[in-house]
Amino acid sequence: MGEKAARPRISSAGTRCRTALAFLAACAAAPNEARAEDSPIQIHGFVSQGFIKSSDNQFLADSETGSFEFFEGGINVTKEVTDRFRVGAQLFTRDLGPIGNYGAQFDWFYLDYRFFDWLGLRAGRTKVPFGLYNETSDIDVARTPVLLPQSVYPIQNRDFLLAQTGLELYGVVPLRAAGDLEYRAYGGTFHYDPLYEGDDTLRNAAIPYVMGGRLMWRPPVPGLQLGSSFQALKINVDYTPPATTLLTLKAAGLVPEDFSGTIPVQIPAMLWVGSLEYAPGDLLLAAEYSRWRTSLESAVVNVAPTTSERMYAMASYRVRSWFTPGIYYSIYFGDTAQRTVDGRFQHDVATTLRFDLTDNWLLKVEGHYMYGTGLLSSSLNGDKPLSSLTQHWTALLLKTTAYF
């Protein structure tokens, strides 16, 4: 179950990659007279290679023996066509244990027109404004930690949560002496490919809708912002139960004894997060609290709504231009009604040392002390119940990124 997705999927990804590269090349080769004199095309890119080693349990990859399956690469193009009209796109690839397998995809792309400071419209695959850092989760240079707090920003779900395909309204409303209020509201769908995420029990996934928004208040205090984000979505998917689950369903009389097919499942979900950040100068302090409510509906069995609780506090300080240490404490409860049940919670204390070796190259060293296994993958750990895994464990991550 911990194996990568089938290799033939790369061929289709390769086609997407060639199409995307052709698009980016066409943008870069656009004639000079088509460009605004004061707004040239901006081209940026990055390549990251990491290493993961855990003392117990498989974390993100086959990490108990150490794994280099921790790679990211991307190139993006943006262009201000006029003072109000902007376009952009990013091509991205990654390999994270069973996820990605170097398949290339358009991470985001958009057409952006700003009518006024308080009203703009984006269309395309636009980044989801959820919490403080979801929109920058693909930019390693923009943060101190290797991994953002996993309780709120799970890296396994990056391709699923980073962007939505649809429309977005945005703007900034001045509040005079009270600062200003930024709003974002969006609606559309996600592209969710469970096989790309390494899960062969889910197929034919479709997301009829996703909608949400964020309000962010910036009072007249340098570096301070407070906000709240909300998201609602629904996932329809065909579920093929693994053998152990199938036996349980048969024993409960929920499926016939000769059943071996798939079960159509609907998963409605609602997510919200409250955010606080204070970043005066070289200091950064941040904290977020979030709840995610999900349920499962099918003709075989319905699962009552479950609410997970997620939170963290984080701090970092840029001691020198080349050295920034950081620390955070992240907490996850998979079910607020079962906070102390093994396999349903995870505490994570992480410390990071970031070294900016040059203007375009950085290195990060990060250690995690974990109590609990609620955010681990059962399939990566031999399909064992999360409650049976080692509850106290550690992980070491190394990551280096070059960017331009």
Protein backbone atom coordinates (compact mmCIF):
# COMPACT_ATOMS: atom_id res chain seq x y z
CA MET A 1 0.00 0.00 0.00
CA GLY A 2 3.00 2.32 0.47
CA GLU A 3 4.03 2.01 -3.17
CA LYS A 4 3.92 4.87 -5.60
CA ALA A 5 1.12 5.38 -8.09
CA ALA A 6 1.49 3.37 -11.27
CA ARG A 7 4.21 4.68 -13.60
CA PRO A 8 1.94 4.92 -16.69
CA ARG A 9 0.38 7.98 -15.08
CA ILE A 10 3.58 9.88 -15.83
CA SER A 11 2.91 9.73 -19.56
CA SER A 12 -0.26 11.79 -19.18
CA ALA A 13 1.56 14.06 -16.78
CA GLY A 14 4.31 14.38 -19.37
CA THR A 15 1.76 15.57 -21.92
CA ARG A 16 0.53 18.18 -19.48
CA CYS A 17 4.12 19.16 -18.78
CA ARG A 18 4.92 19.67 -22.47
CA THR A 19 1.76 21.73 -22.94
CA ALA A 20 2.56 23.84 -19.92
CA LEU A 21 6.16 24.39 -20.98
CA ALA A 22 5.00 25.42 -24.42
CA PHE A 23 2.65 27.97 -22.84
CA LEU A 24 5.40 29.35 -20.60
CA ALA A 25 7.84 29.54 -23.49
CA ALA A 26 5.28 31.40 -25.60
CA CYS A 27 4.82 33.92 -22.79
CA ALA A 28 8.55 34.43 -22.45
CA ALA A 29 8.97 34.80 -26.20
CA ALA A 30 6.19 37.39 -26.60
CA PRO A 31 7.35 40.35 -28.73
CA ASN A 32 8.62 43.35 -26.82
CA GLU A 33 6.05 45.71 -28.29
CA ALA A 34 3.30 43.61 -26.69
CA ARG A 35 4.71 44.26 -23.24
CA ALA A 36 4.01 47.22 -21.04
CA GLU A 37 7.27 49.16 -20.82
CA ASP A 38 7.12 49.39 -17.04
CA SER A 39 5.88 45.83 -16.47
CA PRO A 40 8.03 43.10 -18.02
CA ILE A 41 7.12 39.45 -17.77
CA GLN A 42 8.22 38.02 -14.43
CA ILE A 43 9.62 34.47 -14.49
CA HIS A 44 10.55 32.73 -11.24
CA GLY A 45 11.33 29.17 -10.29
CA PHE A 46 12.52 26.91 -7.49
CA VAL A 47 13.92 23.42 -6.91
CA SER A 48 13.91 21.74 -3.47
CA GLN A 49 15.40 18.46 -2.31
CA GLY A 50 14.76 17.10 1.16
CA PHE A 51 15.50 14.15 3.41
CA ILE A 52 13.20 12.60 6.06
CA LYS A 53 14.26 10.26 8.90
CA SER A 54 11.94 9.13 11.70
CA SER A 55 12.79 7.13 14.81
CA ASP A 56 9.57 5.09 14.57
CA ASN A 57 6.59 4.99 12.20
CA GLN A 58 6.65 5.88 8.51
CA PHE A 59 6.19 9.66 8.23
CA LEU A 60 5.26 11.03 4.76
CA ALA A 61 7.55 8.44 3.10
CA ASP A 62 9.48 5.28 4.04
CA SER A 63 11.23 7.38 6.64
CA GLU A 64 12.32 4.84 9.25
CA THR A 65 15.30 3.95 7.10
CA GLY A 66 15.61 7.50 5.78
CA SER A 67 14.07 8.75 2.54
CA PHE A 68 15.04 11.26 -0.15
CA GLU A 69 11.51 11.06 -1.61
CA PHE A 70 10.95 14.69 -0.72
CA PHE A 71 11.30 16.81 -3.86
CA GLU A 72 9.55 19.92 -5.23
CA GLY A 73 10.11 22.00 -8.32
CA GLY A 74 8.19 24.75 -10.05
CA ILE A 75 8.35 27.60 -12.53
CA ASN A 76 5.89 30.47 -12.75
CA VAL A 77 5.18 33.34 -15.10
CA THR A 78 3.25 36.52 -14.24
CA LYS A 79 2.52 39.58 -16.33
CA GLU A 80 0.79 42.90 -15.66
CA VAL A 81 -0.93 43.45 -18.99
CA THR A 82 -2.31 46.82 -17.83
CA ASP A 83 -2.43 48.68 -14.54
CA ARG A 84 -5.58 46.73 -13.67
CA PHE A 85 -5.22 43.44 -15.57
CA ARG A 86 -2.78 40.69 -14.54
CA VAL A 87 -2.23 37.08 -15.67
CA GLY A 88 -0.11 34.27 -14.29
CA ALA A 89 0.51 30.52 -14.14
CA GLN A 90 2.73 28.04 -12.30
CA LEU A 91 3.88 24.58 -13.39
CA PHE A 92 4.71 22.33 -10.44
CA THR A 93 5.99 18.82 -9.79
CA ARG A 94 6.82 16.92 -6.63
CA ASP A 95 7.65 13.55 -5.11
CA LEU A 96 6.66 12.85 -1.49
CA GLY A 97 6.70 9.16 -0.67
CA PRO A 98 3.73 7.64 -2.56
CA ILE A 99 2.48 11.08 -3.65
CA GLY A 100 3.30 12.94 -6.85
CA ASN A 101 5.79 10.63 -8.57
CA TYR A 102 7.16 13.69 -10.45
CA GLY A 103 3.90 14.21 -12.35
CA ALA A 104 3.68 17.78 -13.64
CA GLN A 105 0.56 19.91 -13.35
CA PHE A 106 -0.58 23.51 -13.43
CA ASP A 107 -0.52 24.47 -9.77
CA TRP A 108 -2.38 27.71 -10.38
CA PHE A 109 -3.28 30.00 -13.26
CA TYR A 110 -5.44 33.09 -13.31
CA LEU A 111 -6.81 36.15 -15.03
CA ASP A 112 -7.06 39.02 -12.55
CA TYR A 113 -8.85 42.33 -13.13
CA ARG A 114 -9.00 44.99 -10.40
CA PHE A 115 -11.88 47.43 -10.92
CA PHE A 116 -11.17 49.39 -7.73
CA ASP A 117 -9.03 48.89 -4.64
CA TRP A 118 -12.13 47.49 -2.93
CA LEU A 119 -13.26 45.24 -5.81
CA GLY A 120 -11.34 42.82 -8.01
CA LEU A 121 -12.18 39.61 -9.88
CA ARG A 122 -10.02 36.54 -10.49
CA ALA A 123 -10.86 33.59 -12.73
CA GLY A 124 -8.99 30.34 -13.29
CA ARG A 125 -7.31 28.04 -10.80
CA THR A 126 -6.83 30.51 -7.97
CA LYS A 127 -5.11 29.98 -4.63
CA VAL A 128 -7.45 29.32 -1.72
CA PRO A 129 -7.32 32.03 0.98
CA PHE A 130 -7.51 29.71 4.00
CA GLY A 131 -5.72 30.80 7.13
CA LEU A 132 -2.49 32.77 7.13
CA TYR A 133 -0.26 30.56 4.99
CA ASN A 134 -2.23 28.31 2.64
CA GLU A 135 -1.52 30.60 -0.33
CA THR A 136 2.23 30.57 0.33
CA SER A 137 2.52 26.88 1.22
CA ASP A 138 4.23 26.29 -2.14
CA ILE A 139 6.92 28.93 -1.45
CA ASP A 140 9.64 27.43 0.76
CA VAL A 141 11.60 30.70 0.86
CA ALA A 142 8.60 32.54 2.35
CA ARG A 143 8.71 30.72 5.70
CA THR A 144 11.10 29.44 8.33
CA PRO A 145 9.86 25.84 8.96
CA VAL A 146 10.30 22.98 6.50
CA LEU A 147 6.77 21.82 7.27
CA LEU A 148 4.05 24.26 8.17
CA PRO A 149 2.09 23.06 11.25
CA GLN A 150 0.52 19.87 9.96
CA SER A 151 -2.60 20.16 12.05
CA VAL A 152 -3.78 23.08 9.88
CA TYR A 153 -1.67 22.71 6.70
CA PRO A 154 -1.25 18.95 6.01
CA ILE A 155 1.35 18.59 3.28
CA GLN A 156 -0.21 15.34 1.98
CA ASN A 157 -3.27 17.35 0.92
CA ARG A 158 -1.34 20.20 -0.68
CA ASP A 159 -2.54 19.55 -4.25
CA PHE A 160 -6.09 19.25 -2.95
CA LEU A 161 -6.17 22.36 -0.74
CA LEU A 162 -3.86 24.87 -2.45
CA ALA A 163 -6.15 26.15 -5.22
CA GLN A 164 -9.70 25.96 -6.59
CA THR A 165 -10.95 26.31 -10.15
CA GLY A 166 -13.60 28.99 -10.43
CA LEU A 167 -14.10 32.66 -9.58
CA GLU A 168 -12.95 34.89 -6.74
CA LEU A 169 -13.93 38.37 -5.60
CA TYR A 170 -11.45 40.32 -3.51
CA GLY A 171 -10.70 43.78 -2.24
CA VAL A 172 -9.43 45.99 0.56
CA VAL A 173 -11.86 48.29 2.40
CA PRO A 174 -10.29 51.19 4.34
CA LEU A 175 -11.56 51.57 7.92
CA ARG A 176 -9.95 54.98 8.50
CA ALA A 177 -8.43 55.08 11.99
CA ALA A 178 -9.18 51.35 12.48
CA GLY A 179 -6.86 50.23 9.67
CA ASP A 180 -8.26 48.23 6.74
CA LEU A 181 -10.23 45.07 6.03
CA GLU A 182 -9.26 42.63 3.26
CA TYR A 183 -11.98 40.31 2.00
CA ARG A 184 -11.84 37.26 -0.31
CA ALA A 185 -14.82 35.22 -1.52
CA TYR A 186 -14.63 32.32 -3.98
CA GLY A 187 -16.63 29.50 -5.52
CA GLY A 188 -15.83 26.67 -7.90
CA THR A 189 -14.42 23.16 -7.64
CA PHE A 190 -11.23 21.27 -6.85
CA HIS A 191 -9.46 18.76 -9.06
CA TYR A 192 -8.94 15.81 -6.73
CA ASP A 193 -7.18 12.70 -8.00
CA PRO A 194 -6.90 10.11 -5.17
CA LEU A 195 -4.58 7.94 -7.27
CA TYR A 196 -2.19 10.89 -7.56
CA GLU A 197 -2.29 11.01 -3.76
CA GLY A 198 -1.41 7.30 -3.59
CA ASP A 199 -4.83 6.03 -2.42
CA ASP A 200 -6.07 3.17 -4.61
CA THR A 201 -9.24 2.62 -2.56
CA LEU A 202 -10.83 5.82 -3.94
CA ARG A 203 -11.66 6.35 -7.62
CA ASN A 204 -13.74 8.57 -9.88
CA ALA A 205 -13.62 11.46 -7.43
CA ALA A 206 -15.67 14.55 -8.23
CA ILE A 207 -16.23 17.72 -6.25
CA PRO A 208 -19.58 19.33 -7.22
CA TYR A 209 -18.75 22.54 -5.38
CA VAL A 210 -16.40 24.37 -3.09
CA MET A 211 -17.10 27.82 -1.68
CA GLY A 212 -15.59 29.96 1.00
CA GLY A 213 -13.95 33.18 1.98
CA ARG A 214 -11.66 35.02 4.33
CA LEU A 215 -11.79 38.31 6.23
CA MET A 216 -8.48 39.76 7.41
CA TRP A 217 -8.35 42.87 9.59
CA ARG A 218 -5.13 44.85 9.67
CA PRO A 219 -5.32 47.44 12.47
CA PRO A 220 -2.96 50.44 12.50
CA VAL A 221 -0.30 48.42 14.34
CA PRO A 222 2.70 47.52 12.13
CA GLY A 223 2.86 43.79 11.48
CA LEU A 224 -0.44 42.87 13.14
CA GLN A 225 -3.32 41.07 11.39
CA LEU A 226 -6.31 39.08 12.61
CA GLY A 227 -8.76 37.10 10.53
CA SER A 228 -11.12 34.23 9.97
CA SER A 229 -11.58 31.81 7.03
CA PHE A 230 -14.42 29.48 6.08
CA GLN A 231 -14.82 26.76 3.47
CA ALA A 232 -17.61 24.34 2.51
CA LEU A 233 -17.28 21.54 -0.06
CA LYS A 234 -18.59 18.14 -1.05
CA ILE A 235 -16.70 15.12 -2.42
CA ASN A 236 -18.34 12.32 -4.40
CA VAL A 237 -16.15 9.24 -4.81
CA ASP A 238 -16.31 5.49 -5.47
CA TYR A 239 -14.86 3.61 -2.49
CA THR A 240 -13.38 0.13 -2.85
CA PRO A 241 -13.03 -1.21 0.72
CA PRO A 242 -9.76 -3.00 1.55
CA ALA A 243 -10.07 -6.61 2.62
CA THR A 244 -10.15 -5.95 6.38
CA THR A 245 -12.82 -3.27 6.07
CA LEU A 246 -14.85 -5.45 3.72
CA LEU A 247 -14.88 -8.26 6.27
CA THR A 248 -16.17 -5.85 8.92
CA LEU A 249 -18.95 -4.61 6.60
CA LYS A 250 -19.98 -8.18 5.79
CA ALA A 251 -19.96 -9.22 9.46
CA ALA A 252 -22.24 -6.27 10.24
CA GLY A 253 -24.60 -7.28 7.42
CA LEU A 254 -24.06 -3.96 5.63
CA VAL A 255 -23.05 -5.61 2.34
CA PRO A 256 -23.87 -9.04 0.87
CA GLU A 257 -21.45 -11.91 1.47
CA ASP A 258 -20.55 -11.98 -2.22
CA PHE A 259 -19.97 -8.20 -2.45
CA SER A 260 -16.64 -7.22 -3.99
CA GLY A 261 -17.43 -3.97 -5.78
CA THR A 262 -17.36 -0.27 -5.04
CA ILE A 263 -19.56 1.89 -2.83
CA PRO A 264 -20.61 5.38 -4.01
CA VAL A 265 -19.85 7.77 -1.16
CA GLN A 266 -20.60 11.45 -0.54
CA ILE A 267 -18.46 13.43 1.91
CA PRO A 268 -19.71 16.93 2.83
CA ALA A 269 -17.25 19.05 4.81
CA MET A 270 -17.07 22.47 6.48
CA LEU A 271 -13.78 24.03 7.59
CA TRP A 272 -13.00 27.24 9.44
CA VAL A 273 -9.94 28.80 11.04
CA GLY A 274 -9.25 31.84 13.20
CA SER A 275 -5.86 33.50 12.65
CA LEU A 276 -3.54 35.91 14.46
CA GLU A 277 -0.12 37.09 13.27
CA TYR A 278 2.26 39.72 14.63
CA ALA A 279 5.37 40.31 12.53
CA PRO A 280 7.21 43.50 13.52
CA GLY A 281 10.58 43.55 11.79
CA ASP A 282 12.58 40.32 12.22
CA LEU A 283 10.20 38.74 14.75
CA LEU A 284 7.22 36.60 13.76
CA LEU A 285 4.55 35.35 16.16
CA ALA A 286 1.53 33.44 14.84
CA ALA A 287 -1.30 31.31 16.19
CA GLU A 288 -4.32 29.67 14.53
CA TYR A 289 -7.28 27.62 15.76
CA SER A 290 -9.36 25.52 13.35
CA ARG A 291 -12.22 23.02 13.23
CA TRP A 292 -13.06 20.73 10.31
CA ARG A 293 -16.49 19.03 10.28
CA THR A 294 -17.00 16.06 7.96
CA SER A 295 -19.54 13.28 7.52
CA LEU A 296 -19.96 10.29 5.22
CA GLU A 297 -23.12 9.36 3.36
CA SER A 298 -23.74 6.21 1.30
CA ALA A 299 -26.33 3.56 0.56
CA VAL A 300 -24.37 1.10 2.74
CA VAL A 301 -23.64 3.09 5.86
CA ASN A 302 -23.84 6.68 7.06
CA VAL A 303 -21.29 8.09 9.46
CA ALA A 304 -22.41 10.83 11.84
CA PRO A 305 -20.58 14.15 11.49
CA THR A 306 -17.14 14.22 13.07
CA THR A 307 -15.42 17.43 14.13
CA SER A 308 -11.64 17.60 14.23
CA GLU A 309 -9.82 20.28 16.22
CA ARG A 310 -6.55 21.79 15.02
CA MET A 311 -4.33 24.52 16.46
CA TYR A 312 -0.76 25.77 16.75
CA ALA A 313 1.45 28.57 18.06
CA MET A 314 4.61 29.53 16.16
CA ALA A 315 7.55 31.89 16.58
CA SER A 316 10.69 32.73 14.64
CA TYR A 317 13.34 35.44 14.76
CA ARG A 318 15.80 36.54 12.07
CA VAL A 319 18.99 36.77 14.15
CA ARG A 320 21.21 37.53 11.17
CA SER A 321 20.51 38.01 7.49
CA TRP A 322 21.67 34.39 7.00
CA PHE A 323 20.27 32.74 10.16
CA THR A 324 16.67 32.34 11.39
CA PRO A 325 15.66 29.89 14.14
CA GLY A 326 12.02 28.98 14.68
CA ILE A 327 9.74 26.83 16.82
CA TYR A 328 6.09 25.77 16.89
CA TYR A 329 3.74 23.57 18.87
CA SER A 330 0.96 21.98 16.83
CA ILE A 331 -2.00 19.97 18.18
CA TYR A 332 -4.47 17.77 16.29
CA PHE A 333 -7.55 15.96 17.60
CA GLY A 334 -9.24 13.85 14.92
CA ASP A 335 -12.50 13.77 16.87
CA THR A 336 -13.35 16.25 19.60
CA ALA A 337 -15.39 13.50 21.28
CA GLN A 338 -12.31 11.20 21.48
CA ARG A 339 -9.43 13.50 22.36
CA THR A 340 -7.45 10.92 24.37
CA VAL A 341 -7.99 7.83 22.19
CA ASP A 342 -4.76 6.50 20.65
CA GLY A 343 -4.64 7.09 16.91
CA ARG A 344 -7.00 10.06 17.14
CA PHE A 345 -4.59 12.79 18.27
CA GLN A 346 -1.10 14.11 17.62
CA HIS A 347 1.09 16.67 19.40
CA ASP A 348 4.06 18.04 17.46
CA VAL A 349 6.88 20.21 18.84
CA ALA A 350 9.10 21.36 15.96
CA THR A 351 12.30 23.39 15.97
CA THR A 352 13.92 24.75 12.81
CA LEU A 353 17.25 26.31 11.88
CA ARG A 354 17.15 28.19 8.57
CA PHE A 355 20.42 29.17 6.85
CA ASP A 356 20.30 31.55 3.86
CA LEU A 357 23.57 30.47 2.27
CA THR A 358 23.34 32.91 -0.64
CA ASP A 359 20.71 35.26 -2.08
CA ASN A 360 19.26 32.30 -4.03
CA TRP A 361 20.02 29.24 -1.93
CA LEU A 362 18.88 28.16 1.53
CA LEU A 363 19.20 25.17 3.84
CA LYS A 364 16.87 24.12 6.65
CA VAL A 365 17.33 21.61 9.48
CA GLU A 366 14.20 20.65 11.43
CA GLY A 367 13.49 18.29 14.32
CA HIS A 368 10.07 17.08 15.47
CA TYR A 369 9.07 15.45 18.73
CA MET A 370 5.72 13.72 18.27
CA TYR A 371 3.23 12.37 20.77
CA GLY A 372 0.41 10.54 19.01
CA THR A 373 -0.17 9.20 15.51
CA GLY A 374 -3.42 10.83 14.40
CA LEU A 375 -1.94 12.49 11.30
CA LEU A 376 -0.01 9.46 10.05
CA SER A 377 -1.02 7.34 7.06
CA SER A 378 -2.13 3.79 7.82
CA SER A 379 -1.27 2.67 4.28
CA LEU A 380 2.32 3.87 4.69
CA ASN A 381 2.55 1.86 7.90
CA GLY A 382 1.55 -1.56 6.57
CA ASP A 383 -2.21 -0.87 6.92
CA LYS A 384 -1.84 -1.08 10.70
CA PRO A 385 -4.36 0.78 12.86
CA LEU A 386 -2.91 4.14 13.86
CA SER A 387 -3.62 3.27 17.49
CA SER A 388 -1.15 0.35 17.28
CA LEU A 389 1.79 2.49 16.14
CA THR A 390 4.48 3.90 18.44
CA GLN A 391 2.95 6.87 20.24
CA HIS A 392 6.18 8.71 21.20
CA TRP A 393 8.50 9.25 18.24
CA THR A 394 10.75 11.78 16.51
CA ALA A 395 11.51 12.94 12.99
CA LEU A 396 14.42 14.80 11.37
CA LEU A 397 13.97 16.77 8.14
CA LEU A 398 16.63 18.38 5.97
CA LYS A 399 15.73 20.55 3.00
CA THR A 400 17.66 22.72 0.59
CA THR A 401 16.07 25.06 -1.94
CA ALA A 402 17.50 27.02 -4.86
CA TYR A 403 15.29 29.74 -6.34
CA PHE A 404 15.34 32.63 -8.77
